[in-house]
C-alpha atoms as a PDB file:
ATOM      1  CA  MET A   1     -79.668  17.381  -1.846  1.00  0.00           C
ATOM      2  CA  PRO A   2     -78.682  17.331  -5.559  1.00  0.00           C
ATOM      3  CA  ASP A   3     -80.449  14.849  -7.816  1.00  0.00           C
ATOM      4  CA  ASP A   4     -78.719  11.506  -8.310  1.00  0.00           C
ATOM      5  CA  PRO A   5     -78.138  11.249 -12.127  1.00  0.00           C
ATOM      6  CA  THR A   6     -78.452   7.458 -11.941  1.00  0.00           C
ATOM      7  CA  LEU A   7     -81.884   7.712 -10.366  1.00  0.00           C
ATOM      8  CA  THR A   8     -82.879  10.420 -12.846  1.00  0.00           C
ATOM      9  CA  ARG A   9     -81.924   8.223 -15.827  1.00  0.00           C
ATOM     10  CA  ARG A  10     -83.637   5.226 -14.233  1.00  0.00           C
ATOM     11  CA  GLY A  11     -86.859   7.202 -13.730  1.00  0.00           C
ATOM     12  CA  PHE A  12     -86.773   8.411 -17.324  1.00  0.00           C
ATOM     13  CA  LEU A  13     -86.243   4.888 -18.666  1.00  0.00           C
ATOM     14  CA  THR A  14     -89.012   3.512 -16.465  1.00  0.00           C
ATOM     15  CA  GLY A  15     -91.430   6.098 -17.802  1.00  0.00           C
ATOM     16  CA  LEU A  16     -90.347   5.437 -21.378  1.00  0.00           C
ATOM     17  CA  VAL A  17     -90.818   1.669 -21.031  1.00  0.00           C
ATOM     18  CA  ALA A  18     -94.267   2.223 -19.502  1.00  0.00           C
ATOM     19  CA  ALA A  19     -95.293   4.483 -22.372  1.00  0.00           C
ATOM     20  CA  VAL A  20     -94.082   1.998 -25.011  1.00  0.00           C
ATOM     21  CA  PHE A  21     -95.862  -0.871 -23.243  1.00  0.00           C
ATOM     22  CA  ALA A  22     -99.104   1.119 -23.076  1.00  0.00           C
ATOM     23  CA  ALA A  23     -98.942   1.951 -26.774  1.00  0.00           C
ATOM     24  CA  ALA A  24     -98.128  -1.638 -27.785  1.00  0.00           C
ATOM     25  CA  HIS A  25    -100.869  -3.213 -25.688  1.00  0.00           C
ATOM     26  CA  GLY A  26    -103.619  -0.673 -26.240  1.00  0.00           C
ATOM     27  CA  VAL A  27    -103.593   0.566 -22.661  1.00  0.00           C
ATOM     28  CA  GLU A  28    -105.377   3.895 -22.306  1.00  0.00           C
ATOM     29  CA  ALA A  29    -103.242   6.925 -21.529  1.00  0.00           C
ATOM     30  CA  ALA A  30    -103.644   8.708 -18.218  1.00  0.00           C
ATOM     31  CA  SER A  31    -106.599  11.047 -17.961  1.00  0.00           C
ATOM     32  CA  CYS A  32    -107.332  14.052 -15.747  1.00  0.00           C
ATOM     33  CA  PRO A  33    -110.722  14.874 -14.231  1.00  0.00           C
ATOM     34  CA  PRO A  34    -112.175  18.020 -15.839  1.00  0.00           C
ATOM     35  CA  THR A  35    -112.219  21.136 -13.694  1.00  0.00           C
ATOM     36  CA  GLU A  36    -115.608  21.705 -12.062  1.00  0.00           C
ATOM     37  CA  ASP A  37    -117.647  24.560 -13.432  1.00  0.00           C
ATOM     38  CA  ASN A  38    -118.974  27.459 -11.359  1.00  0.00           C
ATOM     39  CA  PRO A  39    -121.418  30.273 -12.215  1.00  0.00           C
ATOM     40  CA  GLN A  40    -120.214  33.154 -14.365  1.00  0.00           C
ATOM     41  CA  GLY A  41    -122.049  35.748 -12.294  1.00  0.00           C
ATOM     42  CA  PRO A  42    -123.235  39.156 -13.495  1.00  0.00           C
ATOM     43  CA  PHE A  43    -119.877  40.962 -13.671  1.00  0.00           C
ATOM     44  CA  TYR A  44    -118.298  39.543 -16.835  1.00  0.00           C
ATOM     45  CA  VAL A  45    -117.331  42.037 -19.569  1.00  0.00           C
ATOM     46  CA  PRO A  46    -116.144  40.549 -22.894  1.00  0.00           C
ATOM     47  CA  GLY A  47    -113.126  41.868 -24.756  1.00  0.00           C
ATOM     48  CA  ALA A  48    -110.583  42.305 -21.942  1.00  0.00           C
ATOM     49  CA  PRO A  49    -107.032  43.066 -23.161  1.00  0.00           C
ATOM     50  CA  PHE A  50    -104.362  40.364 -23.390  1.00  0.00           C
ATOM     51  CA  ARG A  51    -101.831  41.164 -20.659  1.00  0.00           C
ATOM     52  CA  VAL A  52    -100.055  39.703 -17.627  1.00  0.00           C
ATOM     53  CA  GLY A  53    -100.541  42.613 -15.241  1.00  0.00           C
ATOM     54  CA  ILE A  54    -104.233  43.217 -14.617  1.00  0.00           C
ATOM     55  CA  ALA A  55    -103.782  45.381 -11.497  1.00  0.00           C
ATOM     56  CA  PRO A  56    -101.919  48.685 -11.956  1.00  0.00           C
ATOM     57  CA  ASP A  57     -99.307  49.728  -9.415  1.00  0.00           C
ATOM     58  CA  ASP A  58    -101.720  52.100  -7.680  1.00  0.00           C
ATOM     59  CA  GLU A  59    -104.402  49.430  -7.143  1.00  0.00           C
ATOM     60  CA  PRO A  60    -104.978  48.931  -3.376  1.00  0.00           C
ATOM     61  CA  GLY A  61    -104.571  45.421  -1.987  1.00  0.00           C
ATOM     62  CA  GLU A  62    -102.027  42.667  -1.422  1.00  0.00           C
ATOM     63  CA  ARG A  63    -100.137  41.789  -4.583  1.00  0.00           C
ATOM     64  CA  LEU A  64    -100.877  38.334  -5.987  1.00  0.00           C
ATOM     65  CA  VAL A  65     -99.409  36.227  -8.793  1.00  0.00           C
ATOM     66  CA  VAL A  66    -101.599  33.453 -10.214  1.00  0.00           C
ATOM     67  CA  THR A  67    -100.013  30.812 -12.441  1.00  0.00           C
ATOM     68  CA  GLY A  68    -101.190  27.534 -13.892  1.00  0.00           C
ATOM     69  CA  ARG A  69    -101.614  25.331 -16.936  1.00  0.00           C
ATOM     70  CA  VAL A  70    -104.506  24.439 -19.193  1.00  0.00           C
ATOM     71  CA  LEU A  71    -104.664  20.677 -19.804  1.00  0.00           C
ATOM     72  CA  SER A  72    -106.785  18.216 -21.782  1.00  0.00           C
ATOM     73  CA  ALA A  73    -108.906  15.788 -19.780  1.00  0.00           C
ATOM     74  CA  THR A  74    -108.233  13.047 -22.341  1.00  0.00           C
ATOM     75  CA  ASP A  75    -104.542  12.518 -21.615  1.00  0.00           C
ATOM     76  CA  CYS A  76    -103.470  15.414 -19.355  1.00  0.00           C
ATOM     77  CA  ARG A  77    -101.461  16.983 -22.166  1.00  0.00           C
ATOM     78  CA  PRO A  78    -100.867  20.758 -22.062  1.00  0.00           C
ATOM     79  CA  LEU A  79    -103.041  22.822 -24.386  1.00  0.00           C
ATOM     80  CA  PRO A  80    -101.244  25.611 -26.234  1.00  0.00           C
ATOM     81  CA  GLY A  81    -103.481  28.243 -27.747  1.00  0.00           C
ATOM     82  CA  ALA A  82    -106.075  28.212 -24.952  1.00  0.00           C
ATOM     83  CA  VAL A  83    -107.435  31.595 -23.862  1.00  0.00           C
ATOM     84  CA  VAL A  84    -107.749  32.240 -20.128  1.00  0.00           C
ATOM     85  CA  ASP A  85    -110.075  35.171 -19.376  1.00  0.00           C
ATOM     86  CA  VAL A  86    -110.175  36.296 -15.714  1.00  0.00           C
ATOM     87  CA  TRP A  87    -111.936  38.996 -13.699  1.00  0.00           C
ATOM     88  CA  HIS A  88    -112.400  39.676  -9.990  1.00  0.00           C
ATOM     89  CA  ALA A  89    -113.406  42.219  -7.367  1.00  0.00           C
ATOM     90  CA  SER A  90    -111.207  44.978  -5.996  1.00  0.00           C
ATOM     91  CA  ASP A  91    -109.854  45.002  -2.452  1.00  0.00           C
ATOM     92  CA  ALA A  92    -113.024  46.888  -1.521  1.00  0.00           C
ATOM     93  CA  GLY A  93    -115.243  44.244  -3.126  1.00  0.00           C
ATOM     94  CA  ALA A  94    -116.257  46.210  -6.251  1.00  0.00           C
ATOM     95  CA  TYR A  95    -115.978  45.259  -9.932  1.00  0.00           C
ATOM     96  CA  TYR A  96    -114.551  47.764 -12.384  1.00  0.00           C
ATOM     97  CA  GLY A  97    -116.063  48.236 -15.822  1.00  0.00           C
ATOM     98  CA  MET A  98    -119.693  48.034 -14.746  1.00  0.00           C
ATOM     99  CA  GLU A  99    -122.491  50.545 -15.281  1.00  0.00           C
ATOM    100  CA  GLY A 100    -121.023  52.022 -18.459  1.00  0.00           C
ATOM    101  CA  ALA A 101    -117.564  52.876 -17.097  1.00  0.00           C
ATOM    102  CA  GLY A 102    -115.031  53.538 -19.856  1.00  0.00           C
ATOM    103  CA  GLY A 103    -111.330  54.126 -20.407  1.00  0.00           C
ATOM    104  CA  ASP A 104    -108.471  52.115 -18.964  1.00  0.00           C
ATOM    105  CA  ASP A 105    -110.162  51.855 -15.563  1.00  0.00           C
ATOM    106  CA  ALA A 106    -112.900  49.727 -17.119  1.00  0.00           C
ATOM    107  CA  TRP A 107    -110.356  46.928 -17.525  1.00  0.00           C
ATOM    108  CA  ARG A 108    -108.796  47.041 -14.076  1.00  0.00           C
ATOM    109  CA  LEU A 109    -108.652  43.543 -12.585  1.00  0.00           C
ATOM    110  CA  ARG A 110    -109.659  42.031 -15.923  1.00  0.00           C
ATOM    111  CA  GLY A 111    -107.487  40.409 -18.551  1.00  0.00           C
ATOM    112  CA  ARG A 112    -106.818  37.531 -20.912  1.00  0.00           C
ATOM    113  CA  ALA A 113    -103.811  35.290 -21.509  1.00  0.00           C
ATOM    114  CA  SER A 114    -103.053  32.890 -24.348  1.00  0.00           C
ATOM    115  CA  THR A 115    -101.226  29.718 -23.310  1.00  0.00           C
ATOM    116  CA  GLY A 116     -97.901  28.781 -24.891  1.00  0.00           C
ATOM    117  CA  PRO A 117     -96.413  25.360 -25.806  1.00  0.00           C
ATOM    118  CA  ALA A 118     -96.480  24.184 -22.165  1.00  0.00           C
ATOM    119  CA  GLY A 119    -100.108  25.263 -21.696  1.00  0.00           C
ATOM    120  CA  ALA A 120     -99.019  27.817 -19.092  1.00  0.00           C
ATOM    121  CA  TYR A 121    -100.609  31.129 -18.120  1.00  0.00           C
ATOM    122  CA  ARG A 122     -99.782  33.867 -15.587  1.00  0.00           C
ATOM    123  CA  PHE A 123    -101.558  36.888 -14.127  1.00  0.00           C
ATOM    124  CA  GLU A 124    -100.195  39.549 -11.776  1.00  0.00           C
ATOM    125  CA  THR A 125    -102.939  41.203  -9.740  1.00  0.00           C
ATOM    126  CA  ILE A 126    -104.137  41.773  -6.157  1.00  0.00           C
ATOM    127  CA  LEU A 127    -105.907  39.483  -3.722  1.00  0.00           C
ATOM    128  CA  PRO A 128    -109.634  39.941  -4.433  1.00  0.00           C
ATOM    129  CA  GLY A 129    -111.827  41.485  -1.782  1.00  0.00           C
ATOM    130  CA  ARG A 130    -115.061  40.067  -0.412  1.00  0.00           C
ATOM    131  CA  TYR A 131    -118.468  41.600  -1.020  1.00  0.00           C
ATOM    132  CA  PRO A 132    -121.768  41.269   0.849  1.00  0.00           C
ATOM    133  CA  LEU A 133    -124.559  38.867  -0.007  1.00  0.00           C
ATOM    134  CA  GLY A 134    -127.316  40.110   2.236  1.00  0.00           C
ATOM    135  CA  PRO A 135    -126.875  41.686   5.673  1.00  0.00           C
ATOM    136  CA  ARG A 136    -124.892  38.851   7.312  1.00  0.00           C
ATOM    137  CA  ARG A 137    -122.973  37.081   4.546  1.00  0.00           C
ATOM    138  CA  LEU A 138    -119.880  37.816   2.506  1.00  0.00           C
ATOM    139  CA  ARG A 139    -118.776  35.991  -0.603  1.00  0.00           C
ATOM    140  CA  PRO A 140    -115.322  34.463  -0.095  1.00  0.00           C
ATOM    141  CA  ARG A 141    -112.428  35.846  -2.113  1.00  0.00           C
ATOM    142  CA  HIS A 142    -112.532  34.435  -5.635  1.00  0.00           C
ATOM    143  CA  ILE A 143    -111.392  34.905  -9.226  1.00  0.00           C
ATOM    144  CA  HIS A 144    -113.692  34.200 -12.165  1.00  0.00           C
ATOM    145  CA  TYR A 145    -112.401  32.185 -15.127  1.00  0.00           C
ATOM    146  CA  LEU A 146    -113.624  31.676 -18.687  1.00  0.00           C
ATOM    147  CA  VAL A 147    -111.289  29.242 -20.467  1.00  0.00           C
ATOM    148  CA  THR A 148    -111.619  28.340 -24.153  1.00  0.00           C
ATOM    149  CA  HIS A 149    -109.741  26.164 -26.643  1.00  0.00           C
ATOM    150  CA  PRO A 150    -110.728  25.290 -30.236  1.00  0.00           C
ATOM    151  CA  ALA A 151    -110.860  21.518 -29.642  1.00  0.00           C
ATOM    152  CA  HIS A 152    -112.362  21.596 -26.143  1.00  0.00           C
ATOM    153  CA  ARG A 153    -115.532  22.656 -24.386  1.00  0.00           C
ATOM    154  CA  PRO A 154    -115.516  26.172 -22.893  1.00  0.00           C
ATOM    155  CA  LEU A 155    -115.337  26.263 -19.110  1.00  0.00           C
ATOM    156  CA  VAL A 156    -116.660  28.908 -16.743  1.00  0.00           C
ATOM    157  CA  THR A 157    -115.445  28.468 -13.174  1.00  0.00           C
ATOM    158  CA  GLN A 158    -114.137  30.245 -10.086  1.00  0.00           C
ATOM    159  CA  LEU A 159    -110.911  30.001  -8.079  1.00  0.00           C
ATOM    160  CA  TYR A 160    -111.112  30.162  -4.271  1.00  0.00           C
ATOM    161  CA  PHE A 161    -108.395  30.486  -1.620  1.00  0.00           C
ATOM    162  CA  ALA A 162    -107.754  28.123   1.280  1.00  0.00           C
ATOM    163  CA  GLY A 163    -108.167  29.572   4.757  1.00  0.00           C
ATOM    164  CA  ASP A 164    -110.914  32.017   3.854  1.00  0.00           C
ATOM    165  CA  PRO A 165    -113.428  31.812   6.742  1.00  0.00           C
ATOM    166  CA  PHE A 166    -116.310  32.542   4.371  1.00  0.00           C
ATOM    167  CA  LEU A 167    -115.820  29.378   2.303  1.00  0.00           C
ATOM    168  CA  GLU A 168    -118.018  27.457   4.708  1.00  0.00           C
ATOM    169  CA  GLY A 169    -121.667  28.027   4.031  1.00  0.00           C
ATOM    170  CA  ASP A 170    -121.183  29.399   0.511  1.00  0.00           C
ATOM    171  CA  GLY A 171    -123.237  27.153  -1.741  1.00  0.00           C
ATOM    172  CA  LEU A 172    -121.141  27.899  -4.843  1.00  0.00           C
ATOM    173  CA  VAL A 173    -117.803  26.773  -3.431  1.00  0.00           C
ATOM    174  CA  ARG A 174    -116.432  23.417  -4.595  1.00  0.00           C
ATOM    175  CA  ARG A 175    -113.541  21.808  -2.742  1.00  0.00           C
ATOM    176  CA  SER A 176    -111.666  21.088  -5.977  1.00  0.00           C
ATOM    177  CA  LEU A 177    -111.590  24.825  -6.781  1.00  0.00           C
ATOM    178  CA  ILE A 178    -109.835  25.837  -3.544  1.00  0.00           C
ATOM    179  CA  VAL A 179    -106.069  26.409  -3.762  1.00  0.00           C
ATOM    180  CA  PRO A 180    -103.525  27.363  -1.084  1.00  0.00           C
ATOM    181  CA  LEU A 181    -102.030  30.836  -0.880  1.00  0.00           C
ATOM    182  CA  ALA A 182     -98.254  30.935  -0.598  1.00  0.00           C
ATOM    183  CA  SER A 183     -95.995  33.797   0.440  1.00  0.00           C
ATOM    184  CA  PRO A 184     -92.678  33.199  -1.365  1.00  0.00           C
ATOM    185  CA  PRO A 185     -89.549  34.949  -0.061  1.00  0.00           C
ATOM    186  CA  VAL A 186     -88.539  38.118  -1.899  1.00  0.00           C
ATOM    187  CA  ALA A 187     -85.071  39.472  -2.538  1.00  0.00           C
ATOM    188  CA  GLY A 188     -83.826  42.855  -1.375  1.00  0.00           C
ATOM    189  CA  GLY A 189     -86.465  45.540  -1.171  1.00  0.00           C
ATOM    190  CA  ALA A 190     -88.908  43.842  -3.524  1.00  0.00           C
ATOM    191  CA  PRO A 191     -92.524  44.082  -2.335  1.00  0.00           C
ATOM    192  CA  LYS A 192     -94.128  41.027  -0.762  1.00  0.00           C
ATOM    193  CA  ARG A 193     -96.363  39.053  -3.122  1.00  0.00           C
ATOM    194  CA  LEU A 194     -98.738  36.190  -2.528  1.00  0.00           C
ATOM    195  CA  ALA A 195     -98.818  33.309  -5.003  1.00  0.00           C
ATOM    196  CA  ALA A 196    -101.418  30.767  -6.088  1.00  0.00           C
ATOM    197  CA  ALA A 197    -101.353  27.987  -8.699  1.00  0.00           C
ATOM    198  CA  PHE A 198    -104.475  26.766 -10.476  1.00  0.00           C
ATOM    199  CA  ASP A 199    -104.467  24.217 -13.315  1.00  0.00           C
ATOM    200  CA  VAL A 200    -107.550  24.074 -15.523  1.00  0.00           C
ATOM    201  CA  VAL A 201    -108.573  20.805 -17.228  1.00  0.00           C
ATOM    202  CA  LEU A 202    -110.897  21.020 -20.240  1.00  0.00           C
ATOM    203  CA  SER A 203    -113.146  18.323 -21.713  1.00  0.00           C
ATOM    204  CA  PRO A 204    -112.624  17.623 -25.440  1.00  0.00           C
ATOM    205  CA  LEU A 205    -115.435  18.420 -27.873  1.00  0.00           C
ATOM    206  CA  LYS A 206    -115.437  14.812 -29.129  1.00  0.00           C
ATOM    207  CA  GLN A 207    -115.040  11.870 -26.730  1.00  0.00           C
END
């Protein structure tokens, strides 16, 4: 059903009046809880290239697009100029770029993005694989994040995917870091891609 322009204008005016009232009466602006941290792990390699596509076309695995925004915990405003550095395992559960590997393959499934005016970022990759932790355990699928911004505290965290049976019993998993996986419709003969959205909220350096 198309939007009712009267309701749209009314909602805008309501929000504007609320903002003016808050400013006039010293009411604190809305705040967002900071994203929970999670261990960096041993597979981080600094200096990944800035790029959207971190999985080449010949990389095995289900294609995945991850989008999101970087926000300030103080007032939920978007943070342009943040750097989102991500890395994750291959479909087979291995990390590229380890043990002295060089060339372009060293940066497979690794990359950085700089957020624009809306604080948005985007990566095109594959769904990470699981890897063993001992003889009877697998780590759930996850993507590592290192997010930085000049006026905010750096954050190291991990993104997990809803429905993964190995989430239960993994001591690193935090409920707030689990996001749903969607399978949007594709047009024509375009390949199927999964999609996930993950907003990151940073704490300011001075509070």
